[in-house]
Amino acid sequence: VQLQASGGGLVQAGGSLRLSCAASGRTFASSNMAWFRQAPGKEREFVSGISWRSGNTYYADSVKGRFTFSRDNAKNTVYLQMNSLKPEDTAVYYCAADRNDYFTKNQYAYSYWGQGTQVTVSS
């Protein structure tokens, strides 16, 4: 699976952005997908994801109610709609995929990674 992330940019606090992650390969529909982010000087952290088996979505507490994860299997693409953005959301956002049976928030379980897209939220 190859992943191509896009949609980052500069936005004011309270604004919105939508990230996209396009995947190549026939195994997209049976892949767990997730977004992680890494802010300067911090560890990479889980943001949101979806289980391929159940269709359930998962969110970090810090983004619940503001971010929405979705996937379009016909387009081999996942999205992260980010609303009510805050300066602390500033980070490089990465999409990731794995073929495990069950969803995990553990970044080390993910075998495939996109190149990252910068999100900057100004105050």
PDB file of N, CA and C in Angstrom:
ATOM      1  N   VAL A   1       0.847  -1.191   0.000  1.00  0.00           N
ATOM      2  CA  VAL A   1       0.000   0.000   0.000  1.00  0.00           C
ATOM      3  C   VAL A   1       0.882   1.240   0.000  1.00  0.00           C
ATOM      4  N   GLN A   2       0.631   2.125  -0.931  1.00  0.00           N
ATOM      5  CA  GLN A   2       1.325   3.417  -0.940  1.00  0.00           C
ATOM      6  C   GLN A   2       0.312   4.497  -0.608  1.00  0.00           C
ATOM      7  N   LEU A   3       0.732   5.451   0.229  1.00  0.00           N
ATOM      8  CA  LEU A   3      -0.175   6.462   0.734  1.00  0.00           C
ATOM      9  C   LEU A   3       0.314   7.851   0.366  1.00  0.00           C
ATOM     10  N   GLN A   4      -0.625   8.693  -0.045  1.00  0.00           N
ATOM     11  CA  GLN A   4      -0.292  10.069  -0.423  1.00  0.00           C
ATOM     12  C   GLN A   4      -1.228  11.006   0.328  1.00  0.00           C
ATOM     13  N   ALA A   5      -0.667  11.748   1.271  1.00  0.00           N
ATOM     14  CA  ALA A   5      -1.471  12.671   2.076  1.00  0.00           C
ATOM     15  C   ALA A   5      -1.439  14.071   1.476  1.00  0.00           C
ATOM     16  N   SER A   6      -2.537  14.778   1.646  1.00  0.00           N
ATOM     17  CA  SER A   6      -2.624  16.155   1.157  1.00  0.00           C
ATOM     18  C   SER A   6      -3.666  16.911   1.958  1.00  0.00           C
ATOM     19  N   GLY A   7      -3.715  18.220   1.750  1.00  0.00           N
ATOM     20  CA  GLY A   7      -4.765  19.023   2.360  1.00  0.00           C
ATOM     21  C   GLY A   7      -4.327  19.899   3.512  1.00  0.00           C
ATOM     22  N   GLY A   8      -3.071  19.785   3.916  1.00  0.00           N
ATOM     23  CA  GLY A   8      -2.601  20.621   5.002  1.00  0.00           C
ATOM     24  C   GLY A   8      -2.500  22.076   4.565  1.00  0.00           C
ATOM     25  N   GLY A   9      -2.224  22.932   5.538  1.00  0.00           N
ATOM     26  CA  GLY A   9      -2.082  24.344   5.225  1.00  0.00           C
ATOM     27  C   GLY A   9      -2.071  25.183   6.480  1.00  0.00           C
ATOM     28  N   LEU A  10      -2.184  26.487   6.263  1.00  0.00           N
ATOM     29  CA  LEU A  10      -2.195  27.460   7.346  1.00  0.00           C
ATOM     30  C   LEU A  10      -3.628  27.964   7.524  1.00  0.00           C
ATOM     31  N   VAL A  11      -4.103  27.929   8.759  1.00  0.00           N
ATOM     32  CA  VAL A  11      -5.475  28.359   9.037  1.00  0.00           C
ATOM     33  C   VAL A  11      -5.497  29.057  10.390  1.00  0.00           C
ATOM     34  N   GLN A  12      -6.433  29.969  10.555  1.00  0.00           N
ATOM     35  CA  GLN A  12      -6.582  30.637  11.836  1.00  0.00           C
ATOM     36  C   GLN A  12      -7.330  29.752  12.820  1.00  0.00           C
ATOM     37  N   ALA A  13      -7.106  30.002  14.081  1.00  0.00           N
ATOM     38  CA  ALA A  13      -7.819  29.259  15.117  1.00  0.00           C
ATOM     39  C   ALA A  13      -9.322  29.388  14.899  1.00  0.00           C
ATOM     40  N   GLY A  14      -9.996  28.248  15.057  1.00  0.00           N
ATOM     41  CA  GLY A  14     -11.427  28.214  14.804  1.00  0.00           C
ATOM     42  C   GLY A  14     -11.789  27.807  13.396  1.00  0.00           C
ATOM     43  N   GLY A  15     -10.800  27.762  12.528  1.00  0.00           N
ATOM     44  CA  GLY A  15     -11.038  27.395  11.137  1.00  0.00           C
ATOM     45  C   GLY A  15     -11.081  25.899  10.926  1.00  0.00           C
ATOM     46  N   SER A  16     -11.167  25.526   9.644  1.00  0.00           N
ATOM     47  CA  SER A  16     -11.299  24.111   9.277  1.00  0.00           C
ATOM     48  C   SER A  16     -10.341  23.754   8.156  1.00  0.00           C
ATOM     49  N   LEU A  17      -9.987  22.504   8.127  1.00  0.00           N
ATOM     50  CA  LEU A  17      -9.214  21.916   7.026  1.00  0.00           C
ATOM     51  C   LEU A  17      -9.694  20.489   6.829  1.00  0.00           C
ATOM     52  N   ARG A  18      -9.543  19.996   5.630  1.00  0.00           N
ATOM     53  CA  ARG A  18      -9.817  18.590   5.371  1.00  0.00           C
ATOM     54  C   ARG A  18      -8.580  17.943   4.770  1.00  0.00           C
ATOM     55  N   LEU A  19      -8.071  16.951   5.459  1.00  0.00           N
ATOM     56  CA  LEU A  19      -6.938  16.187   4.962  1.00  0.00           C
ATOM     57  C   LEU A  19      -7.444  14.987   4.172  1.00  0.00           C
ATOM     58  N   SER A  20      -6.701  14.648   3.140  1.00  0.00           N
ATOM     59  CA  SER A  20      -7.009  13.470   2.336  1.00  0.00           C
ATOM     60  C   SER A  20      -5.799  12.558   2.303  1.00  0.00           C
ATOM     61  N   CYS A  21      -6.066  11.283   2.187  1.00  0.00           N
ATOM     62  CA  CYS A  21      -4.994  10.303   2.053  1.00  0.00           C
ATOM     63  C   CYS A  21      -5.439   9.297   1.005  1.00  0.00           C
ATOM     64  N   ALA A  22      -4.786   9.358  -0.137  1.00  0.00           N
ATOM     65  CA  ALA A  22      -5.106   8.447  -1.228  1.00  0.00           C
ATOM     66  C   ALA A  22      -4.185   7.234  -1.168  1.00  0.00           C
ATOM     67  N   ALA A  23      -4.771   6.071  -1.292  1.00  0.00           N
ATOM     68  CA  ALA A  23      -4.011   4.830  -1.191  1.00  0.00           C
ATOM     69  C   ALA A  23      -4.019   4.084  -2.512  1.00  0.00           C
ATOM     70  N   SER A  24      -2.908   3.481  -2.821  1.00  0.00           N
ATOM     71  CA  SER A  24      -2.839   2.611  -3.982  1.00  0.00           C
ATOM     72  C   SER A  24      -2.821   1.172  -3.494  1.00  0.00           C
ATOM     73  N   GLY A  25      -3.207   0.245  -4.333  1.00  0.00           N
ATOM     74  CA  GLY A  25      -3.177  -1.149  -3.946  1.00  0.00           C
ATOM     75  C   GLY A  25      -4.559  -1.723  -3.721  1.00  0.00           C
ATOM     76  N   ARG A  26      -4.657  -3.013  -3.958  1.00  0.00           N
ATOM     77  CA  ARG A  26      -5.950  -3.688  -3.888  1.00  0.00           C
ATOM     78  C   ARG A  26      -6.392  -3.987  -2.467  1.00  0.00           C
ATOM     79  N   THR A  27      -5.490  -3.815  -1.497  1.00  0.00           N
ATOM     80  CA  THR A  27      -5.809  -4.220  -0.133  1.00  0.00           C
ATOM     81  C   THR A  27      -6.365  -3.082   0.702  1.00  0.00           C
ATOM     82  N   PHE A  28      -6.693  -1.965   0.067  1.00  0.00           N
ATOM     83  CA  PHE A  28      -7.149  -0.803   0.823  1.00  0.00           C
ATOM     84  C   PHE A  28      -8.381  -1.128   1.652  1.00  0.00           C
ATOM     85  N   ALA A  29      -9.335  -1.811   1.061  1.00  0.00           N
ATOM     86  CA  ALA A  29     -10.605  -2.062   1.749  1.00  0.00           C
ATOM     87  C   ALA A  29     -10.429  -2.920   2.997  1.00  0.00           C
ATOM     88  N   SER A  30      -9.374  -3.703   3.053  1.00  0.00           N
ATOM     89  CA  SER A  30      -9.126  -4.563   4.216  1.00  0.00           C
ATOM     90  C   SER A  30      -7.959  -4.047   5.047  1.00  0.00           C
ATOM     91  N   SER A  31      -7.766  -2.759   5.031  1.00  0.00           N
ATOM     92  CA  SER A  31      -6.704  -2.130   5.816  1.00  0.00           C
ATOM     93  C   SER A  31      -7.302  -1.196   6.857  1.00  0.00           C
ATOM     94  N   ASN A  32      -6.800  -1.314   8.081  1.00  0.00           N
ATOM     95  CA  ASN A  32      -7.094  -0.286   9.070  1.00  0.00           C
ATOM     96  C   ASN A  32      -6.365   0.983   8.647  1.00  0.00           C
ATOM     97  N   MET A  33      -7.027   2.106   8.808  1.00  0.00           N
ATOM     98  CA  MET A  33      -6.427   3.376   8.417  1.00  0.00           C
ATOM     99  C   MET A  33      -6.429   4.318   9.607  1.00  0.00           C
ATOM    100  N   ALA A  34      -5.412   5.141   9.685  1.00  0.00           N
ATOM    101  CA  ALA A  34      -5.326   6.051  10.822  1.00  0.00           C
ATOM    102  C   ALA A  34      -4.570   7.310  10.433  1.00  0.00           C
ATOM    103  N   TRP A  35      -4.820   8.349  11.213  1.00  0.00           N
ATOM    104  CA  TRP A  35      -4.044   9.579  11.147  1.00  0.00           C
ATOM    105  C   TRP A  35      -3.273   9.735  12.458  1.00  0.00           C
ATOM    106  N   PHE A  36      -2.012  10.067  12.314  1.00  0.00           N
ATOM    107  CA  PHE A  36      -1.162  10.418  13.446  1.00  0.00           C
ATOM    108  C   PHE A  36      -0.646  11.829  13.207  1.00  0.00           C
ATOM    109  N   ARG A  37      -0.121  12.434  14.249  1.00  0.00           N
ATOM    110  CA  ARG A  37       0.485  13.752  14.075  1.00  0.00           C
ATOM    111  C   ARG A  37       1.707  13.881  14.977  1.00  0.00           C
ATOM    112  N   GLN A  38       2.605  14.743  14.533  1.00  0.00           N
ATOM    113  CA  GLN A  38       3.810  14.995  15.314  1.00  0.00           C
ATOM    114  C   GLN A  38       4.088  16.486  15.328  1.00  0.00           C
ATOM    115  N   ALA A  39       4.043  17.049  16.517  1.00  0.00           N
ATOM    116  CA  ALA A  39       4.361  18.459  16.702  1.00  0.00           C
ATOM    117  C   ALA A  39       5.854  18.589  16.984  1.00  0.00           C
ATOM    118  N   PRO A  40       6.437  19.751  16.730  1.00  0.00           N
ATOM    119  CA  PRO A  40       7.870  19.935  16.981  1.00  0.00           C
ATOM    120  C   PRO A  40       8.236  19.605  18.427  1.00  0.00           C
ATOM    121  N   GLY A  41       9.246  18.774  18.578  1.00  0.00           N
ATOM    122  CA  GLY A  41       9.730  18.421  19.900  1.00  0.00           C
ATOM    123  C   GLY A  41       8.882  17.429  20.654  1.00  0.00           C
ATOM    124  N   LYS A  42       7.871  16.891  19.990  1.00  0.00           N
ATOM    125  CA  LYS A  42       6.984  15.937  20.653  1.00  0.00           C
ATOM    126  C   LYS A  42       6.977  14.606  19.908  1.00  0.00           C
ATOM    127  N   GLU A  43       6.499  13.597  20.627  1.00  0.00           N
ATOM    128  CA  GLU A  43       6.369  12.274  20.021  1.00  0.00           C
ATOM    129  C   GLU A  43       5.180  12.270  19.060  1.00  0.00           C
ATOM    130  N   ARG A  44       5.234  11.386  18.104  1.00  0.00           N
ATOM    131  CA  ARG A  44       4.098  11.219  17.216  1.00  0.00           C
ATOM    132  C   ARG A  44       2.956  10.595  17.993  1.00  0.00           C
ATOM    133  N   GLU A  45       1.746  11.084  17.763  1.00  0.00           N
ATOM    134  CA  GLU A  45       0.605  10.613  18.532  1.00  0.00           C
ATOM    135  C   GLU A  45      -0.565  10.269  17.619  1.00  0.00           C
ATOM    136  N   PHE A  46      -1.376   9.357  18.108  1.00  0.00           N
ATOM    137  CA  PHE A  46      -2.580   8.950  17.393  1.00  0.00           C
ATOM    138  C   PHE A  46      -3.600  10.084  17.408  1.00  0.00           C
ATOM    139  N   VAL A  47      -4.275  10.274  16.262  1.00  0.00           N
ATOM    140  CA  VAL A  47      -5.323  11.281  16.154  1.00  0.00           C
ATOM    141  C   VAL A  47      -6.689  10.630  15.933  1.00  0.00           C
ATOM    142  N   SER A  48      -6.762   9.799  14.909  1.00  0.00           N
ATOM    143  CA  SER A  48      -8.048   9.204  14.559  1.00  0.00           C
ATOM    144  C   SER A  48      -7.809   8.025  13.625  1.00  0.00           C
ATOM    145  N   GLY A  49      -8.791   7.126  13.560  1.00  0.00           N
ATOM    146  CA  GLY A  49      -8.632   5.989  12.674  1.00  0.00           C
ATOM    147  C   GLY A  49      -9.930   5.222  12.506  1.00  0.00           C
ATOM    148  N   ILE A  50      -9.864   4.217  11.633  1.00  0.00           N
ATOM    149  CA  ILE A  50     -11.041   3.410  11.351  1.00  0.00           C
ATOM    150  C   ILE A  50     -10.654   1.953  11.216  1.00  0.00           C
ATOM    151  N   SER A  51     -11.486   1.104  11.755  1.00  0.00           N
ATOM    152  CA  SER A  51     -11.287  -0.331  11.638  1.00  0.00           C
ATOM    153  C   SER A  51     -11.896  -0.822  10.333  1.00  0.00           C
ATOM    154  N   TRP A  52     -11.122  -1.575   9.552  1.00  0.00           N
ATOM    155  CA  TRP A  52     -11.665  -2.072   8.297  1.00  0.00           C
ATOM    156  C   TRP A  52     -12.719  -3.137   8.556  1.00  0.00           C
ATOM    157  N   ARG A  53     -12.589  -3.841   9.664  1.00  0.00           N
ATOM    158  CA  ARG A  53     -13.481  -4.963   9.950  1.00  0.00           C
ATOM    159  C   ARG A  53     -14.843  -4.489  10.421  1.00  0.00           C
ATOM    160  N   SER A  54     -14.858  -3.526  11.345  1.00  0.00           N
ATOM    161  CA  SER A  54     -16.120  -3.105  11.950  1.00  0.00           C
ATOM    162  C   SER A  54     -16.652  -1.791  11.385  1.00  0.00           C
ATOM    163  N   GLY A  55     -15.749  -1.007  10.809  1.00  0.00           N
ATOM    164  CA  GLY A  55     -16.147   0.324  10.358  1.00  0.00           C
ATOM    165  C   GLY A  55     -16.189   1.340  11.480  1.00  0.00           C
ATOM    166  N   ASN A  56     -15.833   0.910  12.679  1.00  0.00           N
ATOM    167  CA  ASN A  56     -15.825   1.840  13.811  1.00  0.00           C
ATOM    168  C   ASN A  56     -14.704   2.860  13.651  1.00  0.00           C
ATOM    169  N   THR A  57     -14.990   4.073  14.095  1.00  0.00           N
ATOM    170  CA  THR A  57     -13.982   5.124  14.090  1.00  0.00           C
ATOM    171  C   THR A  57     -13.519   5.409  15.514  1.00  0.00           C
ATOM    172  N   TYR A  58     -12.304   5.865  15.614  1.00  0.00           N
ATOM    173  CA  TYR A  58     -11.675   6.108  16.905  1.00  0.00           C
ATOM    174  C   TYR A  58     -11.025   7.487  16.883  1.00  0.00           C
ATOM    175  N   TYR A  59     -11.029   8.131  18.044  1.00  0.00           N
ATOM    176  CA  TYR A  59     -10.478   9.478  18.134  1.00  0.00           C
ATOM    177  C   TYR A  59      -9.684   9.651  19.419  1.00  0.00           C
ATOM    178  N   ALA A  60      -8.640  10.447  19.332  1.00  0.00           N
ATOM    179  CA  ALA A  60      -7.959  10.888  20.544  1.00  0.00           C
ATOM    180  C   ALA A  60      -8.893  11.833  21.294  1.00  0.00           C
ATOM    181  N   ASP A  61      -8.786  11.845  22.600  1.00  0.00           N
ATOM    182  CA  ASP A  61      -9.656  12.704  23.411  1.00  0.00           C
ATOM    183  C   ASP A  61      -9.519  14.169  23.006  1.00  0.00           C
ATOM    184  N   SER A  62      -8.326  14.553  22.608  1.00  0.00           N
ATOM    185  CA  SER A  62      -8.058  15.959  22.300  1.00  0.00           C
ATOM    186  C   SER A  62      -8.778  16.443  21.041  1.00  0.00           C
ATOM    187  N   VAL A  63      -9.267  15.519  20.213  1.00  0.00           N
ATOM    188  CA  VAL A  63      -9.913  15.943  18.963  1.00  0.00           C
ATOM    189  C   VAL A  63     -11.375  15.508  18.873  1.00  0.00           C
ATOM    190  N   LYS A  64     -11.845  14.764  19.841  1.00  0.00           N
ATOM    191  CA  LYS A  64     -13.240  14.310  19.816  1.00  0.00           C
ATOM    192  C   LYS A  64     -14.186  15.490  19.729  1.00  0.00           C
ATOM    193  N   GLY A  65     -15.170  15.344  18.867  1.00  0.00           N
ATOM    194  CA  GLY A  65     -16.156  16.403  18.686  1.00  0.00           C
ATOM    195  C   GLY A  65     -15.726  17.472  17.708  1.00  0.00           C
ATOM    196  N   ARG A  66     -14.457  17.479  17.309  1.00  0.00           N
ATOM    197  CA  ARG A  66     -13.958  18.488  16.366  1.00  0.00           C
ATOM    198  C   ARG A  66     -13.509  17.858  15.044  1.00  0.00           C
ATOM    199  N   PHE A  67     -12.967  16.666  15.112  1.00  0.00           N
ATOM    200  CA  PHE A  67     -12.454  15.993  13.914  1.00  0.00           C
ATOM    201  C   PHE A  67     -13.385  14.841  13.538  1.00  0.00           C
ATOM    202  N   THR A  68     -13.476  14.583  12.242  1.00  0.00           N
ATOM    203  CA  THR A  68     -14.281  13.469  11.749  1.00  0.00           C
ATOM    204  C   THR A  68     -13.486  12.683  10.715  1.00  0.00           C
ATOM    205  N   PHE A  69     -13.401  11.395  10.957  1.00  0.00           N
ATOM    206  CA  PHE A  69     -12.689  10.495  10.041  1.00  0.00           C
ATOM    207  C   PHE A  69     -13.709   9.835   9.124  1.00  0.00           C
ATOM    208  N   SER A  70     -13.365   9.733   7.848  1.00  0.00           N
ATOM    209  CA  SER A  70     -14.240   9.011   6.926  1.00  0.00           C
ATOM    210  C   SER A  70     -13.389   8.327   5.865  1.00  0.00           C
ATOM    211  N   ARG A  71     -13.982   7.348   5.201  1.00  0.00           N
ATOM    212  CA  ARG A  71     -13.264   6.658   4.131  1.00  0.00           C
ATOM    213  C   ARG A  71     -14.205   6.427   2.966  1.00  0.00           C
ATOM    214  N   ASP A  72     -13.633   6.428   1.789  1.00  0.00           N
ATOM    215  CA  ASP A  72     -14.366   6.160   0.558  1.00  0.00           C
ATOM    216  C   ASP A  72     -13.632   5.030  -0.145  1.00  0.00           C
ATOM    217  N   ASN A  73     -14.143   3.819   0.020  1.00  0.00           N
ATOM    218  CA  ASN A  73     -13.450   2.663  -0.556  1.00  0.00           C
ATOM    219  C   ASN A  73     -13.433   2.710  -2.082  1.00  0.00           C
ATOM    220  N   ALA A  74     -14.443   3.318  -2.679  1.00  0.00           N
ATOM    221  CA  ALA A  74     -14.483   3.402  -4.138  1.00  0.00           C
ATOM    222  C   ALA A  74     -13.347   4.260  -4.672  1.00  0.00           C
ATOM    223  N   LYS A  75     -12.921   5.238  -3.865  1.00  0.00           N
ATOM    224  CA  LYS A  75     -11.835   6.127  -4.273  1.00  0.00           C
ATOM    225  C   LYS A  75     -10.517   5.788  -3.600  1.00  0.00           C
ATOM    226  N   ASN A  76     -10.518   4.734  -2.781  1.00  0.00           N
ATOM    227  CA  ASN A  76      -9.300   4.376  -2.045  1.00  0.00           C
ATOM    228  C   ASN A  76      -8.737   5.572  -1.279  1.00  0.00           C
ATOM    229  N   THR A  77      -9.606   6.289  -0.646  1.00  0.00           N
ATOM    230  CA  THR A  77      -9.200   7.519   0.024  1.00  0.00           C
ATOM    231  C   THR A  77      -9.850   7.616   1.402  1.00  0.00           C
ATOM    232  N   VAL A  78      -9.084   8.112   2.341  1.00  0.00           N
ATOM    233  CA  VAL A  78      -9.632   8.460   3.654  1.00  0.00           C
ATOM    234  C   VAL A  78      -9.481   9.955   3.859  1.00  0.00           C
ATOM    235  N   TYR A  79     -10.328  10.477   4.723  1.00  0.00           N
ATOM    236  CA  TYR A  79     -10.350  11.907   4.976  1.00  0.00           C
ATOM    237  C   TYR A  79     -10.345  12.180   6.484  1.00  0.00           C
ATOM    238  N   LEU A  80      -9.820  13.326   6.826  1.00  0.00           N
ATOM    239  CA  LEU A  80      -9.922  13.804   8.195  1.00  0.00           C
ATOM    240  C   LEU A  80     -10.428  15.235   8.123  1.00  0.00           C
ATOM    241  N   GLN A  81     -11.695  15.410   8.462  1.00  0.00           N
ATOM    242  CA  GLN A  81     -12.273  16.746   8.519  1.00  0.00           C
ATOM    243  C   GLN A  81     -11.960  17.334   9.882  1.00  0.00           C
ATOM    244  N   MET A  82     -11.280  18.455   9.879  1.00  0.00           N
ATOM    245  CA  MET A  82     -10.845  19.081  11.129  1.00  0.00           C
ATOM    246  C   MET A  82     -11.527  20.435  11.276  1.00  0.00           C
ATOM    247  N   ASN A  83     -12.362  20.540  12.274  1.00  0.00           N
ATOM    248  CA  ASN A  83     -13.086  21.784  12.546  1.00  0.00           C
ATOM    249  C   ASN A  83     -12.634  22.365  13.883  1.00  0.00           C
ATOM    250  N   SER A  84     -12.975  23.614  14.099  1.00  0.00           N
ATOM    251  CA  SER A  84     -12.641  24.296  15.359  1.00  0.00           C
ATOM    252  C   SER A  84     -11.175  24.089  15.713  1.00  0.00           C
ATOM    253  N   LEU A  85     -10.320  24.305  14.751  1.00  0.00           N
ATOM    254  CA  LEU A  85      -8.901  24.061  14.956  1.00  0.00           C
ATOM    255  C   LEU A  85      -8.308  24.989  15.998  1.00  0.00           C
ATOM    256  N   LYS A  86      -7.335  24.437  16.714  1.00  0.00           N
ATOM    257  CA  LYS A  86      -6.661  25.168  17.783  1.00  0.00           C
ATOM    258  C   LYS A  86      -5.167  25.227  17.484  1.00  0.00           C
ATOM    259  N   PRO A  87      -4.469  26.201  18.037  1.00  0.00           N
ATOM    260  CA  PRO A  87      -3.015  26.258  17.811  1.00  0.00           C
ATOM    261  C   PRO A  87      -2.304  24.961  18.210  1.00  0.00           C
ATOM    262  N   GLU A  88      -2.812  24.288  19.218  1.00  0.00           N
ATOM    263  CA  GLU A  88      -2.179  23.026  19.647  1.00  0.00           C
ATOM    264  C   GLU A  88      -2.394  21.881  18.666  1.00  0.00           C
ATOM    265  N   ASP A  89      -3.205  22.090  17.635  1.00  0.00           N
ATOM    266  CA  ASP A  89      -3.350  21.083  16.579  1.00  0.00           C
ATOM    267  C   ASP A  89      -2.231  21.195  15.540  1.00  0.00           C
ATOM    268  N   THR A  90      -1.411  22.218  15.666  1.00  0.00           N
ATOM    269  CA  THR A  90      -0.305  22.406  14.728  1.00  0.00           C
ATOM    270  C   THR A  90       0.651  21.222  14.794  1.00  0.00           C
ATOM    271  N   ALA A  91       0.893  20.604  13.653  1.00  0.00           N
ATOM    272  CA  ALA A  91       1.743  19.410  13.588  1.00  0.00           C
ATOM    273  C   ALA A  91       1.849  18.968  12.143  1.00  0.00           C
ATOM    274  N   VAL A  92       2.741  18.030  11.917  1.00  0.00           N
ATOM    275  CA  VAL A  92       2.745  17.294  10.657  1.00  0.00           C
ATOM    276  C   VAL A  92       1.824  16.096  10.842  1.00  0.00           C
ATOM    277  N   TYR A  93       0.877  15.951   9.938  1.00  0.00           N
ATOM    278  CA  TYR A  93      -0.105  14.878  10.011  1.00  0.00           C
ATOM    279  C   TYR A  93       0.269  13.783   9.019  1.00  0.00           C
ATOM    280  N   TYR A  94       0.241  12.558   9.514  1.00  0.00           N
ATOM    281  CA  TYR A  94       0.597  11.399   8.702  1.00  0.00           C
ATOM    282  C   TYR A  94      -0.583  10.437   8.631  1.00  0.00           C
ATOM    283  N   CYS A  95      -0.832   9.910   7.447  1.00  0.00           N
ATOM    284  CA  CYS A  95      -1.788   8.808   7.377  1.00  0.00           C
ATOM    285  C   CYS A  95      -1.004   7.499   7.365  1.00  0.00           C
ATOM    286  N   ALA A  96      -1.653   6.473   7.868  1.00  0.00           N
ATOM    287  CA  ALA A  96      -0.991   5.180   8.004  1.00  0.00           C
ATOM    288  C   ALA A  96      -2.001   4.067   7.769  1.00  0.00           C
ATOM    289  N   ALA A  97      -1.471   2.914   7.383  1.00  0.00           N
ATOM    290  CA  ALA A  97      -2.327   1.761   7.112  1.00  0.00           C
ATOM    291  C   ALA A  97      -1.680   0.504   7.664  1.00  0.00           C
ATOM    292  N   ASP A  98      -2.539  -0.421   8.082  1.00  0.00           N
ATOM    293  CA  ASP A  98      -2.010  -1.731   8.482  1.00  0.00           C
ATOM    294  C   ASP A  98      -3.045  -2.789   8.139  1.00  0.00           C
ATOM    295  N   ARG A  99      -2.613  -4.030   8.064  1.00  0.00           N
ATOM    296  CA  ARG A  99      -3.463  -5.132   7.618  1.00  0.00           C
ATOM    297  C   ARG A  99      -3.852  -6.050   8.760  1.00  0.00           C
ATOM    298  N   ASN A 100      -3.666  -5.600  10.008  1.00  0.00           N
ATOM    299  CA  ASN A 100      -4.037  -6.449  11.142  1.00  0.00           C
ATOM    300  C   ASN A 100      -5.554  -6.646  11.197  1.00  0.00           C
ATOM    301  N   ASP A 101      -5.967  -7.708  11.853  1.00  0.00           N
ATOM    302  CA  ASP A 101      -7.400  -7.987  11.961  1.00  0.00           C
ATOM    303  C   ASP A 101      -8.123  -6.963  12.815  1.00  0.00           C
ATOM    304  N   TYR A 102      -7.428  -6.457  13.830  1.00  0.00           N
ATOM    305  CA  TYR A 102      -8.089  -5.563  14.765  1.00  0.00           C
ATOM    306  C   TYR A 102      -7.398  -4.228  14.809  1.00  0.00           C
ATOM    307  N   PHE A 103      -8.190  -3.188  15.035  1.00  0.00           N
ATOM    308  CA  PHE A 103      -7.668  -1.833  15.021  1.00  0.00           C
ATOM    309  C   PHE A 103      -6.787  -1.575  16.230  1.00  0.00           C
ATOM    310  N   THR A 104      -5.751  -0.786  16.035  1.00  0.00           N
ATOM    311  CA  THR A 104      -4.891  -0.383  17.130  1.00  0.00           C
ATOM    312  C   THR A 104      -4.506   1.080  16.982  1.00  0.00           C
ATOM    313  N   LYS A 105      -4.262   1.742  18.091  1.00  0.00           N
ATOM    314  CA  LYS A 105      -3.787   3.121  18.080  1.00  0.00           C
ATOM    315  C   LYS A 105      -2.259   3.175  18.188  1.00  0.00           C
ATOM    316  N   ASN A 106      -1.653   2.021  18.226  1.00  0.00           N
ATOM    317  CA  ASN A 106      -0.204   1.920  18.381  1.00  0.00           C
ATOM    318  C   ASN A 106       0.478   2.154  17.035  1.00  0.00           C
ATOM    319  N   GLN A 107       1.220   3.210  16.929  1.00  0.00           N
ATOM    320  CA  GLN A 107       1.836   3.565  15.648  1.00  0.00           C
ATOM    321  C   GLN A 107       2.790   2.489  15.142  1.00  0.00           C
ATOM    322  N   TYR A 108       3.365   1.730  16.048  1.00  0.00           N
ATOM    323  CA  TYR A 108       4.361   0.730  15.642  1.00  0.00           C
ATOM    324  C   TYR A 108       3.719  -0.474  14.962  1.00  0.00           C
ATOM    325  N   ALA A 109       2.403  -0.562  15.026  1.00  0.00           N
ATOM    326  CA  ALA A 109       1.702  -1.644  14.342  1.00  0.00           C
ATOM    327  C   ALA A 109       1.442  -1.322  12.873  1.00  0.00           C
ATOM    328  N   TYR A 110       1.665  -0.087  12.486  1.00  0.00           N
ATOM    329  CA  TYR A 110       1.334   0.344  11.129  1.00  0.00           C
ATOM    330  C   TYR A 110       2.538   0.166  10.206  1.00  0.00           C
ATOM    331  N   SER A 111       2.296  -0.532   9.114  1.00  0.00           N
ATOM    332  CA  SER A 111       3.381  -0.863   8.186  1.00  0.00           C
ATOM    333  C   SER A 111       3.570   0.164   7.087  1.00  0.00           C
ATOM    334  N   TYR A 112       2.522   0.896   6.782  1.00  0.00           N
ATOM    335  CA  TYR A 112       2.554   1.800   5.636  1.00  0.00           C
ATOM    336  C   TYR A 112       2.258   3.231   6.090  1.00  0.00           C
ATOM    337  N   TRP A 113       3.071   4.159   5.568  1.00  0.00           N
ATOM    338  CA  TRP A 113       2.941   5.547   5.989  1.00  0.00           C
ATOM    339  C   TRP A 113       2.991   6.474   4.782  1.00  0.00           C
ATOM    340  N   GLY A 114       2.193   7.531   4.866  1.00  0.00           N
ATOM    341  CA  GLY A 114       2.284   8.593   3.881  1.00  0.00           C
ATOM    342  C   GLY A 114       3.415   9.541   4.255  1.00  0.00           C
ATOM    343  N   GLN A 115       3.638  10.536   3.424  1.00  0.00           N
ATOM    344  CA  GLN A 115       4.775  11.432   3.587  1.00  0.00           C
ATOM    345  C   GLN A 115       4.534  12.547   4.596  1.00  0.00           C
ATOM    346  N   GLY A 116       3.316  12.747   5.048  1.00  0.00           N
ATOM    347  CA  GLY A 116       3.045  13.809   6.003  1.00  0.00           C
ATOM    348  C   GLY A 116       2.618  15.085   5.324  1.00  0.00           C
ATOM    349  N   THR A 117       1.717  15.801   5.976  1.00  0.00           N
ATOM    350  CA  THR A 117       1.272  17.099   5.479  1.00  0.00           C
ATOM    351  C   THR A 117       1.196  18.061   6.668  1.00  0.00           C
ATOM    352  N   GLN A 118       1.730  19.255   6.463  1.00  0.00           N
ATOM    353  CA  GLN A 118       1.843  20.217   7.560  1.00  0.00           C
ATOM    354  C   GLN A 118       0.519  20.942   7.792  1.00  0.00           C
ATOM    355  N   VAL A 119       0.111  20.979   9.044  1.00  0.00           N
ATOM    356  CA  VAL A 119      -1.046  21.764   9.455  1.00  0.00           C
ATOM    357  C   VAL A 119      -0.561  22.797  10.462  1.00  0.00           C
ATOM    358  N   THR A 120      -0.805  24.058  10.172  1.00  0.00           N
ATOM    359  CA  THR A 120      -0.403  25.134  11.067  1.00  0.00           C
ATOM    360  C   THR A 120      -1.629  25.969  11.412  1.00  0.00           C
ATOM    361  N   VAL A 121      -1.885  26.095  12.705  1.00  0.00           N
ATOM    362  CA  VAL A 121      -3.041  26.864  13.174  1.00  0.00           C
ATOM    363  C   VAL A 121      -2.520  28.082  13.928  1.00  0.00           C
ATOM    364  N   SER A 122      -2.834  29.242  13.429  1.00  0.00           N
ATOM    365  CA  SER A 122      -2.368  30.475  14.061  1.00  0.00           C
ATOM    366  C   SER A 122      -3.408  30.986  15.057  1.00  0.00           C
ATOM    367  N   SER A 123      -2.922  31.626  16.099  1.00  0.00           N
ATOM    368  CA  SER A 123      -3.827  32.125  17.153  1.00  0.00           C
ATOM    369  C   SER A 123      -4.301  33.537  16.840  1.00  0.00           C
TER     370      SER A 123
END
